[in-house]
Amino acid sequence: MTTPDASRFDALSTEAAAIVKVESAWKRVRRNWSVRIGGTVLGLLVLVALLAPWLGTVDPTLFDAASRDLRPGKTGEIMTLEGETIQHTFLMGSDSFGRDIYSRVIFGTQVSLIVGVATAIVSLALGIVLGLLSGYLRWLDGALMRVMDGVMAIPAILIAIALVAMWKGSLLTVIVAIAVPEIPRVTRLVRSLVLTIREEPYVEAAVSLGTPTWKIMLRHILPNTVAPLVVQGTFICASGILVEAILSFLGVGLPPDIPTWGNVMAEGRAQFNEYPHNIFFPGIFLAVTVLAVNILGDGLRDTLDPKMAKRV
């Protein structure tokens, strides 16, 4: 029969082995070129978002009817907030309202990254809680997973459109609308991990020592789900950025006066044949951002997944 002291020793030994695995995974992450490339590009975009007030040449909401539909590099007039008219070079051209597309794209980086990161945080936070409860508490599993299955049966974009339509379009509303369809996916991932981890010897040792259920879930089970959740979070972030652009492009996302990549493309689609730059520049930023996040996620999956790590 295993004594409490022996069980405690086994638990400590398992935790020490987990620390060694984390250090080894970190070394693999730093050597992975996908992580390096995706992380570098994403870091530059974060820097652009932080420095937007200085990188943007003018306020993205300023406009002048005399400078409508200018091509990239052209100089025109623009009205300041004080009512003065100044000469300005439109690096990426201007839209049909005479607004500077370059400034709107730069400031749109802030909105897109905020939406992507916030969506990932919200969906992961709620998904982790529901997944832990569903995977560890057998009596709650059936009912909770049927609810998750029902949510997953509805296309994510339809859920997002319906939630935005119910409330006034705002940054918070868009984040919640995009995060809700992602919660069942995170819940199912965490549940599958918990069903495996709860049968491990160190969890059984903790149970035999009388450790409270909440402490077992937070101390012994949750840390072992971090690696898959980090990878899942990157894909949710990329999906959130893309869905926000789709909602804004369809006119059901953030208000048109807020500079987002989707709004810039939506305003330029009617004149795409004559002025393709209205869609080209924000589209390039959107594609590069989503690609960088996905490359980062692929690299993290290759290094953090034990099966994939053997091939790296």
C-alpha atoms as a PDB file:
ATOM      1  CA  MET A   1       0.000   0.000   0.000  1.00  0.00           C
ATOM      2  CA  THR A   2       1.282   3.466  -0.894  1.00  0.00           C
ATOM      3  CA  THR A   3       1.836   5.680   2.146  1.00  0.00           C
ATOM      4  CA  PRO A   4       0.873   9.381   2.186  1.00  0.00           C
ATOM      5  CA  ASP A   5       4.562  10.335   2.312  1.00  0.00           C
ATOM      6  CA  ALA A   6       5.303   8.200  -0.735  1.00  0.00           C
ATOM      7  CA  SER A   7       2.326   9.696  -2.566  1.00  0.00           C
ATOM      8  CA  ARG A   8       3.534  13.181  -1.728  1.00  0.00           C
ATOM      9  CA  PHE A   9       7.025  12.278  -2.994  1.00  0.00           C
ATOM     10  CA  ASP A  10       5.586  10.957  -6.252  1.00  0.00           C
ATOM     11  CA  ALA A  11       3.603  14.160  -6.712  1.00  0.00           C
ATOM     12  CA  LEU A  12       6.682  16.331  -6.112  1.00  0.00           C
ATOM     13  CA  SER A  13       8.743  14.187  -8.502  1.00  0.00           C
ATOM     14  CA  THR A  14       6.099  14.599 -11.181  1.00  0.00           C
ATOM     15  CA  GLU A  15       6.031  18.374 -10.702  1.00  0.00           C
ATOM     16  CA  ALA A  16       9.836  18.518 -10.971  1.00  0.00           C
ATOM     17  CA  ALA A  17       9.677  16.522 -14.200  1.00  0.00           C
ATOM     18  CA  ALA A  18       7.057  18.968 -15.508  1.00  0.00           C
ATOM     19  CA  ILE A  19       9.433  21.892 -14.844  1.00  0.00           C
ATOM     20  CA  VAL A  20      12.170  20.147 -16.834  1.00  0.00           C
ATOM     21  CA  LYS A  21       9.727  19.599 -19.695  1.00  0.00           C
ATOM     22  CA  VAL A  22       8.810  23.296 -19.702  1.00  0.00           C
ATOM     23  CA  GLU A  23      12.470  24.311 -19.916  1.00  0.00           C
ATOM     24  CA  SER A  24      13.049  21.856 -22.750  1.00  0.00           C
ATOM     25  CA  ALA A  25       9.972  23.122 -24.606  1.00  0.00           C
ATOM     26  CA  TRP A  26      11.170  26.716 -24.258  1.00  0.00           C
ATOM     27  CA  LYS A  27      14.497  25.795 -25.866  1.00  0.00           C
ATOM     28  CA  ARG A  28      12.677  24.148 -28.785  1.00  0.00           C
ATOM     29  CA  VAL A  29      10.454  27.219 -29.173  1.00  0.00           C
ATOM     30  CA  ARG A  30      13.437  29.532 -29.456  1.00  0.00           C
ATOM     31  CA  ARG A  31      15.021  27.315 -32.141  1.00  0.00           C
ATOM     32  CA  ASN A  32      11.874  27.057 -34.273  1.00  0.00           C
ATOM     33  CA  TRP A  33      11.991  29.296 -37.363  1.00  0.00           C
ATOM     34  CA  SER A  34       8.202  29.544 -37.647  1.00  0.00           C
ATOM     35  CA  VAL A  35       8.071  30.993 -34.142  1.00  0.00           C
ATOM     36  CA  ARG A  36      10.904  33.385 -34.969  1.00  0.00           C
ATOM     37  CA  ILE A  37       9.370  34.644 -38.210  1.00  0.00           C
ATOM     38  CA  GLY A  38       5.797  34.839 -36.964  1.00  0.00           C
ATOM     39  CA  GLY A  39       6.870  36.381 -33.648  1.00  0.00           C
ATOM     40  CA  THR A  40       9.059  38.987 -35.361  1.00  0.00           C
ATOM     41  CA  VAL A  41       6.352  40.103 -37.791  1.00  0.00           C
ATOM     42  CA  LEU A  42       3.746  40.155 -35.032  1.00  0.00           C
ATOM     43  CA  GLY A  43       6.121  42.121 -32.798  1.00  0.00           C
ATOM     44  CA  LEU A  44       6.573  44.732 -35.548  1.00  0.00           C
ATOM     45  CA  LEU A  45       2.793  45.034 -35.930  1.00  0.00           C
ATOM     46  CA  VAL A  46       2.416  45.487 -32.168  1.00  0.00           C
ATOM     47  CA  LEU A  47       5.059  48.217 -32.366  1.00  0.00           C
ATOM     48  CA  VAL A  48       3.129  49.902 -35.188  1.00  0.00           C
ATOM     49  CA  ALA A  49      -0.040  49.788 -33.080  1.00  0.00           C
ATOM     50  CA  LEU A  50       1.703  51.304 -30.053  1.00  0.00           C
ATOM     51  CA  LEU A  51       3.341  54.054 -32.121  1.00  0.00           C
ATOM     52  CA  ALA A  52       0.243  54.775 -34.245  1.00  0.00           C
ATOM     53  CA  PRO A  53      -0.240  58.303 -32.792  1.00  0.00           C
ATOM     54  CA  TRP A  54       3.273  59.160 -33.998  1.00  0.00           C
ATOM     55  CA  LEU A  55       3.412  57.042 -37.184  1.00  0.00           C
ATOM     56  CA  GLY A  56       0.047  58.301 -38.406  1.00  0.00           C
ATOM     57  CA  THR A  57       0.569  61.496 -40.385  1.00  0.00           C
ATOM     58  CA  VAL A  58      -2.848  62.990 -39.513  1.00  0.00           C
ATOM     59  CA  ASP A  59      -5.947  62.193 -37.501  1.00  0.00           C
ATOM     60  CA  PRO A  60      -7.685  59.282 -39.325  1.00  0.00           C
ATOM     61  CA  THR A  61     -11.076  60.996 -39.002  1.00  0.00           C
ATOM     62  CA  LEU A  62     -10.009  64.227 -40.755  1.00  0.00           C
ATOM     63  CA  PHE A  63     -11.344  64.767 -44.253  1.00  0.00           C
ATOM     64  CA  ASP A  64     -11.691  67.341 -47.017  1.00  0.00           C
ATOM     65  CA  ALA A  65     -14.030  67.058 -49.993  1.00  0.00           C
ATOM     66  CA  ALA A  66     -11.408  68.649 -52.255  1.00  0.00           C
ATOM     67  CA  SER A  67      -9.022  65.733 -51.669  1.00  0.00           C
ATOM     68  CA  ARG A  68     -11.327  62.826 -52.408  1.00  0.00           C
ATOM     69  CA  ASP A  69     -10.073  59.709 -54.208  1.00  0.00           C
ATOM     70  CA  LEU A  70      -6.442  60.760 -54.504  1.00  0.00           C
ATOM     71  CA  ARG A  71      -3.985  58.117 -55.625  1.00  0.00           C
ATOM     72  CA  PRO A  72      -0.995  57.086 -53.443  1.00  0.00           C
ATOM     73  CA  GLY A  73       1.694  59.736 -53.183  1.00  0.00           C
ATOM     74  CA  LYS A  74      -0.526  62.638 -54.290  1.00  0.00           C
ATOM     75  CA  THR A  75      -0.680  65.896 -52.332  1.00  0.00           C
ATOM     76  CA  GLY A  76      -3.937  67.545 -51.415  1.00  0.00           C
ATOM     77  CA  GLU A  77      -5.685  69.573 -48.753  1.00  0.00           C
ATOM     78  CA  ILE A  78      -7.083  68.279 -45.490  1.00  0.00           C
ATOM     79  CA  MET A  79      -9.023  70.039 -42.759  1.00  0.00           C
ATOM     80  CA  THR A  80      -7.644  69.885 -39.209  1.00  0.00           C
ATOM     81  CA  LEU A  81      -9.703  69.594 -36.046  1.00  0.00           C
ATOM     82  CA  GLU A  82      -9.228  73.346 -35.530  1.00  0.00           C
ATOM     83  CA  GLY A  83     -10.901  74.038 -38.887  1.00  0.00           C
ATOM     84  CA  GLU A  84      -7.691  74.953 -40.706  1.00  0.00           C
ATOM     85  CA  THR A  85      -6.843  73.581 -44.148  1.00  0.00           C
ATOM     86  CA  ILE A  86      -3.303  72.267 -44.642  1.00  0.00           C
ATOM     87  CA  GLN A  87      -1.350  70.676 -47.488  1.00  0.00           C
ATOM     88  CA  HIS A  88      -0.844  66.927 -46.941  1.00  0.00           C
ATOM     89  CA  THR A  89       0.787  64.061 -48.847  1.00  0.00           C
ATOM     90  CA  PHE A  90      -1.445  60.985 -48.957  1.00  0.00           C
ATOM     91  CA  LEU A  91       1.042  58.099 -48.875  1.00  0.00           C
ATOM     92  CA  MET A  92      -1.632  55.461 -49.550  1.00  0.00           C
ATOM     93  CA  GLY A  93      -4.123  57.753 -51.225  1.00  0.00           C
ATOM     94  CA  SER A  94      -7.427  59.016 -49.894  1.00  0.00           C
ATOM     95  CA  ASP A  95     -10.942  57.592 -49.777  1.00  0.00           C
ATOM     96  CA  SER A  96     -14.202  59.009 -51.105  1.00  0.00           C
ATOM     97  CA  PHE A  97     -14.451  61.311 -48.068  1.00  0.00           C
ATOM     98  CA  GLY A  98     -10.928  62.697 -48.471  1.00  0.00           C
ATOM     99  CA  ARG A  99      -9.550  60.829 -45.450  1.00  0.00           C
ATOM    100  CA  ASP A 100      -5.949  59.636 -45.350  1.00  0.00           C
ATOM    101  CA  ILE A 101      -5.911  55.869 -45.920  1.00  0.00           C
ATOM    102  CA  TYR A 102      -2.384  55.522 -44.506  1.00  0.00           C
ATOM    103  CA  SER A 103      -3.413  56.966 -41.134  1.00  0.00           C
ATOM    104  CA  ARG A 104      -6.600  54.896 -41.079  1.00  0.00           C
ATOM    105  CA  VAL A 105      -4.660  51.703 -41.787  1.00  0.00           C
ATOM    106  CA  ILE A 106      -2.048  52.478 -39.118  1.00  0.00           C
ATOM    107  CA  PHE A 107      -4.691  53.233 -36.475  1.00  0.00           C
ATOM    108  CA  GLY A 108      -6.668  50.191 -37.661  1.00  0.00           C
ATOM    109  CA  THR A 109      -3.756  48.029 -36.480  1.00  0.00           C
ATOM    110  CA  GLN A 110      -4.626  48.997 -32.906  1.00  0.00           C
ATOM    111  CA  VAL A 111      -8.245  47.941 -33.249  1.00  0.00           C
ATOM    112  CA  SER A 112      -7.480  44.645 -34.984  1.00  0.00           C
ATOM    113  CA  LEU A 113      -4.873  43.546 -32.457  1.00  0.00           C
ATOM    114  CA  ILE A 114      -7.066  44.568 -29.521  1.00  0.00           C
ATOM    115  CA  VAL A 115      -9.982  42.569 -30.936  1.00  0.00           C
ATOM    116  CA  GLY A 116      -7.811  39.517 -31.667  1.00  0.00           C
ATOM    117  CA  VAL A 117      -6.059  39.406 -28.283  1.00  0.00           C
ATOM    118  CA  ALA A 118      -9.211  40.226 -26.285  1.00  0.00           C
ATOM    119  CA  THR A 119     -11.199  37.569 -28.157  1.00  0.00           C
ATOM    120  CA  ALA A 120      -8.552  34.961 -27.364  1.00  0.00           C
ATOM    121  CA  ILE A 121      -8.423  35.938 -23.682  1.00  0.00           C
ATOM    122  CA  VAL A 122     -12.213  35.918 -23.216  1.00  0.00           C
ATOM    123  CA  SER A 123     -12.796  32.626 -25.031  1.00  0.00           C
ATOM    124  CA  LEU A 124      -9.860  30.918 -23.297  1.00  0.00           C
ATOM    125  CA  ALA A 125     -10.891  32.131 -19.846  1.00  0.00           C
ATOM    126  CA  LEU A 126     -14.483  30.924 -20.140  1.00  0.00           C
ATOM    127  CA  GLY A 127     -13.537  27.792 -22.069  1.00  0.00           C
ATOM    128  CA  ILE A 128     -10.989  26.766 -19.419  1.00  0.00           C
ATOM    129  CA  VAL A 129     -13.524  27.105 -16.604  1.00  0.00           C
ATOM    130  CA  LEU A 130     -16.229  25.176 -18.452  1.00  0.00           C
ATOM    131  CA  GLY A 131     -13.773  22.556 -19.689  1.00  0.00           C
ATOM    132  CA  LEU A 132     -12.360  21.917 -16.207  1.00  0.00           C
ATOM    133  CA  LEU A 133     -15.822  21.554 -14.724  1.00  0.00           C
ATOM    134  CA  SER A 134     -17.057  19.335 -17.549  1.00  0.00           C
ATOM    135  CA  GLY A 135     -14.002  17.086 -17.562  1.00  0.00           C
ATOM    136  CA  TYR A 136     -13.613  16.637 -13.804  1.00  0.00           C
ATOM    137  CA  LEU A 137     -17.222  16.689 -12.577  1.00  0.00           C
ATOM    138  CA  ARG A 138     -18.915  13.733 -14.236  1.00  0.00           C
ATOM    139  CA  TRP A 139     -22.431  14.766 -13.167  1.00  0.00           C
ATOM    140  CA  LEU A 140     -22.082  18.089 -15.033  1.00  0.00           C
ATOM    141  CA  ASP A 141     -20.438  16.730 -18.157  1.00  0.00           C
ATOM    142  CA  GLY A 142     -23.482  15.546 -20.091  1.00  0.00           C
ATOM    143  CA  ALA A 143     -25.664  18.639 -19.797  1.00  0.00           C
ATOM    144  CA  LEU A 144     -22.816  21.103 -20.326  1.00  0.00           C
ATOM    145  CA  MET A 145     -21.461  19.398 -23.440  1.00  0.00           C
ATOM    146  CA  ARG A 146     -24.892  19.225 -25.034  1.00  0.00           C
ATOM    147  CA  VAL A 147     -25.121  23.007 -24.685  1.00  0.00           C
ATOM    148  CA  MET A 148     -21.669  23.360 -26.264  1.00  0.00           C
ATOM    149  CA  ASP A 149     -22.702  21.051 -29.125  1.00  0.00           C
ATOM    150  CA  GLY A 150     -25.760  23.214 -29.740  1.00  0.00           C
ATOM    151  CA  VAL A 151     -23.662  26.378 -29.979  1.00  0.00           C
ATOM    152  CA  MET A 152     -21.170  24.703 -32.318  1.00  0.00           C
ATOM    153  CA  ALA A 153     -24.011  23.625 -34.621  1.00  0.00           C
ATOM    154  CA  ILE A 154     -24.605  27.282 -35.552  1.00  0.00           C
ATOM    155  CA  PRO A 155     -22.083  28.919 -37.949  1.00  0.00           C
ATOM    156  CA  ALA A 156     -19.789  31.250 -36.025  1.00  0.00           C
ATOM    157  CA  ILE A 157     -20.318  34.205 -38.351  1.00  0.00           C
ATOM    158  CA  LEU A 158     -24.112  33.973 -37.914  1.00  0.00           C
ATOM    159  CA  ILE A 159     -23.778  33.991 -34.122  1.00  0.00           C
ATOM    160  CA  ALA A 160     -21.499  37.031 -34.330  1.00  0.00           C
ATOM    161  CA  ILE A 161     -23.871  38.918 -36.643  1.00  0.00           C
ATOM    162  CA  ALA A 162     -26.877  38.086 -34.434  1.00  0.00           C
ATOM    163  CA  LEU A 163     -25.131  39.238 -31.235  1.00  0.00           C
ATOM    164  CA  VAL A 164     -23.917  42.488 -32.819  1.00  0.00           C
ATOM    165  CA  ALA A 165     -27.415  43.133 -34.195  1.00  0.00           C
ATOM    166  CA  MET A 166     -28.918  42.745 -30.706  1.00  0.00           C
ATOM    167  CA  TRP A 167     -26.781  45.500 -29.206  1.00  0.00           C
ATOM    168  CA  LYS A 168     -25.306  48.725 -30.490  1.00  0.00           C
ATOM    169  CA  GLY A 169     -22.084  48.134 -32.401  1.00  0.00           C
ATOM    170  CA  SER A 170     -19.110  48.817 -30.140  1.00  0.00           C
ATOM    171  CA  LEU A 171     -15.670  47.383 -29.479  1.00  0.00           C
ATOM    172  CA  LEU A 172     -16.902  45.388 -26.470  1.00  0.00           C
ATOM    173  CA  THR A 173     -19.913  44.036 -28.383  1.00  0.00           C
ATOM    174  CA  VAL A 174     -17.752  42.888 -31.286  1.00  0.00           C
ATOM    175  CA  ILE A 175     -15.270  41.167 -28.961  1.00  0.00           C
ATOM    176  CA  VAL A 176     -18.050  39.287 -27.131  1.00  0.00           C
ATOM    177  CA  ALA A 177     -19.781  38.386 -30.399  1.00  0.00           C
ATOM    178  CA  ILE A 178     -16.595  36.886 -31.835  1.00  0.00           C
ATOM    179  CA  ALA A 179     -15.565  35.153 -28.583  1.00  0.00           C
ATOM    180  CA  VAL A 180     -18.865  33.330 -27.938  1.00  0.00           C
ATOM    181  CA  PRO A 181     -18.573  30.886 -30.898  1.00  0.00           C
ATOM    182  CA  GLU A 182     -14.987  30.053 -29.864  1.00  0.00           C
ATOM    183  CA  ILE A 183     -15.869  29.092 -26.282  1.00  0.00           C
ATOM    184  CA  PRO A 184     -17.263  25.599 -27.133  1.00  0.00           C
ATOM    185  CA  ARG A 185     -14.081  24.740 -29.068  1.00  0.00           C
ATOM    186  CA  VAL A 186     -11.887  25.675 -26.109  1.00  0.00           C
ATOM    187  CA  THR A 187     -14.235  23.852 -23.737  1.00  0.00           C
ATOM    188  CA  ARG A 188     -14.029  20.625 -25.725  1.00  0.00           C
ATOM    189  CA  LEU A 189     -10.231  20.876 -25.929  1.00  0.00           C
ATOM    190  CA  VAL A 190      -9.835  21.403 -22.174  1.00  0.00           C
ATOM    191  CA  ARG A 191     -12.366  18.665 -21.398  1.00  0.00           C
ATOM    192  CA  SER A 192     -10.477  16.115 -23.518  1.00  0.00           C
ATOM    193  CA  LEU A 193      -7.233  17.015 -21.749  1.00  0.00           C
ATOM    194  CA  VAL A 194      -8.816  16.810 -18.300  1.00  0.00           C
ATOM    195  CA  LEU A 195     -10.306  13.379 -19.014  1.00  0.00           C
ATOM    196  CA  THR A 196      -6.774  12.103 -19.645  1.00  0.00           C
ATOM    197  CA  ILE A 197      -4.934  14.015 -16.916  1.00  0.00           C
ATOM    198  CA  ARG A 198      -7.318  13.109 -14.093  1.00  0.00           C
ATOM    199  CA  GLU A 199      -6.307   9.446 -14.459  1.00  0.00           C
ATOM    200  CA  GLU A 200      -2.612  10.231 -13.932  1.00  0.00           C
ATOM    201  CA  PRO A 201      -0.931   8.876 -10.752  1.00  0.00           C
ATOM    202  CA  TYR A 202      -0.099  12.308  -9.343  1.00  0.00           C
ATOM    203  CA  VAL A 203      -3.766  13.334  -9.528  1.00  0.00           C
ATOM    204  CA  GLU A 204      -4.837  10.124  -7.841  1.00  0.00           C
ATOM    205  CA  ALA A 205      -2.168  10.755  -5.179  1.00  0.00           C
ATOM    206  CA  ALA A 206      -3.569  14.226  -4.566  1.00  0.00           C
ATOM    207  CA  VAL A 207      -7.070  12.775  -4.225  1.00  0.00           C
ATOM    208  CA  SER A 208      -5.863  10.147  -1.735  1.00  0.00           C
ATOM    209  CA  LEU A 209      -4.281  12.921   0.351  1.00  0.00           C
ATOM    210  CA  GLY A 210      -7.656  14.652   0.618  1.00  0.00           C
ATOM    211  CA  THR A 211      -6.724  17.639  -1.544  1.00  0.00           C
ATOM    212  CA  PRO A 212      -9.775  19.829  -2.277  1.00  0.00           C
ATOM    213  CA  THR A 213     -11.249  19.470  -5.755  1.00  0.00           C
ATOM    214  CA  TRP A 214     -10.643  23.102  -6.715  1.00  0.00           C
ATOM    215  CA  LYS A 215      -6.973  22.816  -5.733  1.00  0.00           C
ATOM    216  CA  ILE A 216      -6.539  19.638  -7.772  1.00  0.00           C
ATOM    217  CA  MET A 217      -8.002  21.327 -10.848  1.00  0.00           C
ATOM    218  CA  LEU A 218      -5.945  24.503 -10.476  1.00  0.00           C
ATOM    219  CA  ARG A 219      -2.642  23.043  -9.262  1.00  0.00           C
ATOM    220  CA  HIS A 220      -2.381  19.609 -10.884  1.00  0.00           C
ATOM    221  CA  ILE A 221      -4.633  19.649 -13.950  1.00  0.00           C
ATOM    222  CA  LEU A 222      -4.691  23.219 -15.312  1.00  0.00           C
ATOM    223  CA  PRO A 223      -0.872  23.637 -15.649  1.00  0.00           C
ATOM    224  CA  ASN A 224      -0.757  20.571 -17.899  1.00  0.00           C
ATOM    225  CA  THR A 225      -3.219  22.142 -20.350  1.00  0.00           C
ATOM    226  CA  VAL A 226      -1.188  25.320 -20.922  1.00  0.00           C
ATOM    227  CA  ALA A 227       0.749  24.200 -24.007  1.00  0.00           C
ATOM    228  CA  PRO A 228      -2.284  23.184 -26.129  1.00  0.00           C
ATOM    229  CA  LEU A 229      -4.184  26.268 -24.970  1.00  0.00           C
ATOM    230  CA  VAL A 230      -1.362  28.611 -26.014  1.00  0.00           C
ATOM    231  CA  VAL A 231      -1.500  27.156 -29.523  1.00  0.00           C
ATOM    232  CA  GLN A 232      -5.297  27.343 -29.584  1.00  0.00           C
ATOM    233  CA  GLY A 233      -5.130  30.955 -28.410  1.00  0.00           C
ATOM    234  CA  THR A 234      -3.015  32.008 -31.395  1.00  0.00           C
ATOM    235  CA  PHE A 235      -5.514  30.531 -33.844  1.00  0.00           C
ATOM    236  CA  ILE A 236      -8.416  32.190 -32.015  1.00  0.00           C
ATOM    237  CA  CYS A 237      -6.563  35.518 -32.194  1.00  0.00           C
ATOM    238  CA  ALA A 238      -6.096  35.173 -35.969  1.00  0.00           C
ATOM    239  CA  SER A 239      -9.732  34.145 -36.417  1.00  0.00           C
ATOM    240  CA  GLY A 240     -10.909  37.096 -34.299  1.00  0.00           C
ATOM    241  CA  ILE A 241      -8.968  39.586 -36.416  1.00  0.00           C
ATOM    242  CA  LEU A 242     -10.387  38.105 -39.606  1.00  0.00           C
ATOM    243  CA  VAL A 243     -14.002  37.918 -38.362  1.00  0.00           C
ATOM    244  CA  GLU A 244     -13.863  41.531 -37.135  1.00  0.00           C
ATOM    245  CA  ALA A 245     -12.774  42.619 -40.619  1.00  0.00           C
ATOM    246  CA  ILE A 246     -15.601  40.580 -42.155  1.00  0.00           C
ATOM    247  CA  LEU A 247     -18.211  42.096 -39.815  1.00  0.00           C
ATOM    248  CA  SER A 248     -16.985  45.633 -40.505  1.00  0.00           C
ATOM    249  CA  PHE A 249     -16.848  44.933 -44.240  1.00  0.00           C
ATOM    250  CA  LEU A 250     -20.475  43.762 -44.123  1.00  0.00           C
ATOM    251  CA  GLY A 251     -21.464  46.881 -42.182  1.00  0.00           C
ATOM    252  CA  VAL A 252     -22.474  45.065 -38.984  1.00  0.00           C
ATOM    253  CA  GLY A 253     -19.269  45.513 -37.016  1.00  0.00           C
ATOM    254  CA  LEU A 254     -17.726  48.653 -35.573  1.00  0.00           C
ATOM    255  CA  PRO A 255     -19.194  52.030 -36.596  1.00  0.00           C
ATOM    256  CA  PRO A 256     -17.864  53.363 -39.936  1.00  0.00           C
ATOM    257  CA  ASP A 257     -16.157  56.340 -38.271  1.00  0.00           C
ATOM    258  CA  ILE A 258     -13.804  54.000 -36.345  1.00  0.00           C
ATOM    259  CA  PRO A 259     -10.690  53.271 -38.444  1.00  0.00           C
ATOM    260  CA  THR A 260     -10.545  49.503 -38.932  1.00  0.00           C
ATOM    261  CA  TRP A 261      -9.234  47.518 -41.857  1.00  0.00           C
ATOM    262  CA  GLY A 262     -12.706  46.142 -42.535  1.00  0.00           C
ATOM    263  CA  ASN A 263     -14.253  49.635 -42.564  1.00  0.00           C
ATOM    264  CA  VAL A 264     -11.566  50.981 -44.900  1.00  0.00           C
ATOM    265  CA  MET A 265     -12.155  48.125 -47.349  1.00  0.00           C
ATOM    266  CA  ALA A 266     -15.941  48.464 -47.045  1.00  0.00           C
ATOM    267  CA  GLU A 267     -15.769  52.157 -47.956  1.00  0.00           C
ATOM    268  CA  GLY A 268     -13.567  51.442 -50.980  1.00  0.00           C
ATOM    269  CA  ARG A 269     -15.353  48.456 -52.482  1.00  0.00           C
ATOM    270  CA  ALA A 270     -17.753  50.574 -54.561  1.00  0.00           C
ATOM    271  CA  GLN A 271     -14.803  52.168 -56.388  1.00  0.00           C
ATOM    272  CA  PHE A 272     -12.501  49.167 -56.466  1.00  0.00           C
ATOM    273  CA  ASN A 273     -12.094  49.151 -60.251  1.00  0.00           C
ATOM    274  CA  GLU A 274     -10.946  52.779 -60.382  1.00  0.00           C
ATOM    275  CA  TYR A 275      -9.210  53.072 -56.995  1.00  0.00           C
ATOM    276  CA  PRO A 276      -8.012  49.612 -55.928  1.00  0.00           C
ATOM    277  CA  HIS A 277      -5.638  51.113 -53.360  1.00  0.00           C
ATOM    278  CA  ASN A 278      -8.619  51.665 -51.043  1.00  0.00           C
ATOM    279  CA  ILE A 279      -8.814  47.901 -50.528  1.00  0.00           C
ATOM    280  CA  PHE A 280      -5.265  46.830 -51.413  1.00  0.00           C
ATOM    281  CA  PHE A 281      -3.386  48.453 -48.504  1.00  0.00           C
ATOM    282  CA  PRO A 282      -5.688  47.456 -45.634  1.00  0.00           C
ATOM    283  CA  GLY A 283      -6.027  44.024 -47.242  1.00  0.00           C
ATOM    284  CA  ILE A 284      -2.238  43.570 -47.219  1.00  0.00           C
ATOM    285  CA  PHE A 285      -2.042  44.512 -43.524  1.00  0.00           C
ATOM    286  CA  LEU A 286      -4.900  42.116 -42.711  1.00  0.00           C
ATOM    287  CA  ALA A 287      -3.346  39.237 -44.650  1.00  0.00           C
ATOM    288  CA  VAL A 288       0.130  39.753 -43.164  1.00  0.00           C
ATOM    289  CA  THR A 289      -1.248  39.933 -39.605  1.00  0.00           C
ATOM    290  CA  VAL A 290      -3.377  36.790 -39.891  1.00  0.00           C
ATOM    291  CA  LEU A 291      -0.528  34.950 -41.636  1.00  0.00           C
ATOM    292  CA  ALA A 292       1.984  35.964 -38.945  1.00  0.00           C
ATOM    293  CA  VAL A 293      -0.290  34.794 -36.124  1.00  0.00           C
ATOM    294  CA  ASN A 294      -0.993  31.490 -37.892  1.00  0.00           C
ATOM    295  CA  ILE A 295       2.713  30.893 -38.568  1.00  0.00           C
ATOM    296  CA  LEU A 296       3.423  31.581 -34.900  1.00  0.00           C
ATOM    297  CA  GLY A 297       0.680  29.143 -33.909  1.00  0.00           C
ATOM    298  CA  ASP A 298       2.032  26.451 -36.234  1.00  0.00           C
ATOM    299  CA  GLY A 299       5.508  26.883 -34.772  1.00  0.00           C
ATOM    300  CA  LEU A 300       4.218  26.646 -31.216  1.00  0.00           C
ATOM    301  CA  ARG A 301       2.236  23.531 -32.096  1.00  0.00           C
ATOM    302  CA  ASP A 302       5.315  21.896 -33.635  1.00  0.00           C
ATOM    303  CA  THR A 303       7.409  22.570 -30.541  1.00  0.00           C
ATOM    304  CA  LEU A 304       4.892  22.144 -27.725  1.00  0.00           C
ATOM    305  CA  ASP A 305       3.051  19.075 -29.028  1.00  0.00           C
ATOM    306  CA  PRO A 306       5.052  16.001 -27.863  1.00  0.00           C
ATOM    307  CA  LYS A 307       4.213  14.064 -31.044  1.00  0.00           C
ATOM    308  CA  MET A 308       5.262  16.925 -33.321  1.00  0.00           C
ATOM    309  CA  ALA A 309       8.268  17.856 -31.180  1.00  0.00           C
ATOM    310  CA  LYS A 310       9.957  14.549 -32.013  1.00  0.00           C
ATOM    311  CA  ARG A 311      10.086  15.606 -35.657  1.00  0.00           C
ATOM    312  CA  VAL A 312      11.563  19.035 -34.959  1.00  0.00           C
END
